[in-house]
Amino acid sequence: MYPQAEEMFKKGIEINPNNECAYRLLELLHQLRGRHKEAELYLKRAEFVTDYCNKITRRNYQRLKEIVLKRRIKLVCATYPICSLKVLKLMFDTPEGITFVDNEMVFREALKNAKY
């Protein structure tokens, strides 16, 4: 039901052009269908939305870092499935004191043999 799913995600974007989730799901949908160039376009749009429109999440990550490091606890941050490590690192002014775990390629590889 790829065409119906694509239509629904596009309607979601019409309602909210900053709907990062819809862009990421469209990217995944196109990857699964072998439409890699189209998938790349949706990935870039999702990253743009994340980079410039996700100020609340960024502020929360900054606050989390401040609290955790003040308590001398090691902060470990992992990416969401199929999300870029670059996007996660942009959530912080400085990456010092943070260990980053990159899940993007692990999930992309898994999706070649399994459903999301």
Protein backbone atom coordinates (compact mmCIF):
# COMPACT_ATOMS: atom_id res chain seq x y z
CA MET A 1 0.00 0.00 0.00
CA TYR A 2 2.94 2.29 -0.75
CA PRO A 3 0.93 4.77 -2.87
CA GLN A 4 -1.66 5.26 -0.12
CA ALA A 5 1.03 5.68 2.53
CA GLU A 6 2.87 8.21 0.37
CA GLU A 7 -0.34 10.17 -0.14
CA MET A 8 -1.04 10.27 3.60
CA PHE A 9 2.48 11.45 4.48
CA LYS A 10 2.25 14.17 1.84
CA LYS A 11 -1.09 15.29 3.30
CA GLY A 12 0.61 15.47 6.69
CA ILE A 13 3.26 17.75 5.20
CA GLU A 14 0.56 19.95 3.61
CA ILE A 15 -0.98 20.38 7.06
CA ASN A 16 2.39 20.93 8.76
CA PRO A 17 5.35 21.69 6.45
CA ASN A 18 7.69 21.22 9.44
CA ASN A 19 6.55 17.63 10.03
CA GLU A 20 9.95 15.96 10.32
CA CYS A 21 8.40 12.55 10.93
CA ALA A 22 6.46 12.64 7.65
CA TYR A 23 9.63 13.53 5.71
CA ARG A 24 11.56 10.71 7.37
CA LEU A 25 8.79 8.21 6.67
CA LEU A 26 8.62 9.34 3.04
CA GLU A 27 12.37 8.87 2.86
CA LEU A 28 12.01 5.36 4.25
CA LEU A 29 9.13 4.58 1.92
CA HIS A 30 11.18 5.59 -1.12
CA GLN A 31 14.20 3.62 0.12
CA LEU A 32 12.05 0.51 0.43
CA ARG A 33 10.78 1.04 -3.12
CA GLY A 34 14.30 1.50 -4.49
CA ARG A 35 13.75 5.18 -5.28
CA HIS A 36 17.00 6.34 -3.75
CA LYS A 37 17.20 9.79 -5.35
CA GLU A 38 13.71 10.70 -4.14
CA ALA A 39 14.54 9.26 -0.72
CA GLU A 40 17.61 11.50 -0.51
CA LEU A 41 15.47 14.58 -1.17
CA TYR A 42 13.14 13.71 1.70
CA LEU A 43 16.10 12.98 3.97
CA LYS A 44 17.57 16.41 3.24
CA ARG A 45 14.23 18.06 3.96
CA ALA A 46 13.88 16.17 7.24
CA GLU A 47 17.37 17.25 8.26
CA PHE A 48 16.56 20.85 7.35
CA VAL A 49 13.43 20.76 9.49
CA THR A 50 15.40 19.23 12.35
CA ASP A 51 18.24 21.72 12.02
CA TYR A 52 16.11 24.84 11.92
CA CYS A 53 12.71 24.05 13.37
CA ASN A 54 13.38 21.87 16.40
CA LYS A 55 14.35 24.54 18.90
CA ILE A 56 12.46 23.02 21.84
CA THR A 57 14.21 19.66 21.49
CA ARG A 58 17.56 21.43 21.16
CA ARG A 59 16.89 23.44 24.30
CA ASN A 60 15.95 20.25 26.16
CA TYR A 61 19.17 18.52 25.07
CA GLN A 62 21.18 21.55 26.24
CA ARG A 63 19.45 21.45 29.61
CA LEU A 64 19.97 17.70 29.92
CA LYS A 65 23.68 18.10 29.24
CA GLU A 66 23.95 20.85 31.83
CA ILE A 67 22.20 18.78 34.54
CA VAL A 68 24.03 15.53 33.81
CA LEU A 69 27.52 16.98 33.54
CA LYS A 70 27.02 19.10 36.67
CA ARG A 71 26.41 15.83 38.53
CA ARG A 72 29.57 14.36 36.97
CA ILE A 73 27.57 11.74 35.07
CA LYS A 74 28.70 10.67 31.60
CA LEU A 75 26.16 11.73 28.97
CA VAL A 76 25.53 9.21 26.19
CA CYS A 77 23.22 10.25 23.35
CA ALA A 78 22.06 7.86 20.62
CA THR A 79 20.45 8.80 17.34
CA TYR A 80 16.89 7.85 16.53
CA PRO A 81 16.53 5.09 13.92
CA ILE A 82 17.59 6.31 10.45
CA CYS A 83 18.48 9.75 11.81
CA SER A 84 21.83 11.35 11.12
CA LEU A 85 24.46 11.74 13.84
CA LYS A 86 25.14 15.19 12.40
CA VAL A 87 21.62 16.26 13.35
CA LEU A 88 22.01 14.98 16.91
CA LYS A 89 25.33 16.79 17.32
CA LEU A 90 23.68 20.04 16.19
CA MET A 91 21.49 19.86 19.30
CA PHE A 92 24.53 20.88 21.37
CA ASP A 93 26.59 24.06 21.33
CA THR A 94 29.67 22.00 22.16
CA PRO A 95 30.01 18.20 22.07
CA GLU A 96 32.60 18.04 24.88
CA GLY A 97 31.73 15.53 27.57
CA ILE A 98 29.23 13.66 25.41
CA THR A 99 29.53 10.20 23.91
CA PHE A 100 27.51 9.85 20.73
CA VAL A 101 26.10 6.56 19.44
CA ASP A 102 25.31 6.45 15.73
CA ASN A 103 22.39 4.12 14.90
CA GLU A 104 21.69 5.39 11.40
CA MET A 105 23.57 2.81 9.33
CA VAL A 106 22.64 -0.09 11.62
CA PHE A 107 18.95 0.62 11.09
CA ARG A 108 19.33 1.33 7.37
CA GLU A 109 21.09 -2.01 6.95
CA ALA A 110 18.42 -3.81 8.98
CA LEU A 111 15.69 -2.29 6.83
CA LYS A 112 17.08 -4.03 3.79
CA ASN A 113 15.88 -7.33 5.27
CA ALA A 114 13.04 -6.34 7.58
CA LYS A 115 10.14 -3.94 7.97
CA TYR A 116 10.38 -0.73 10.00
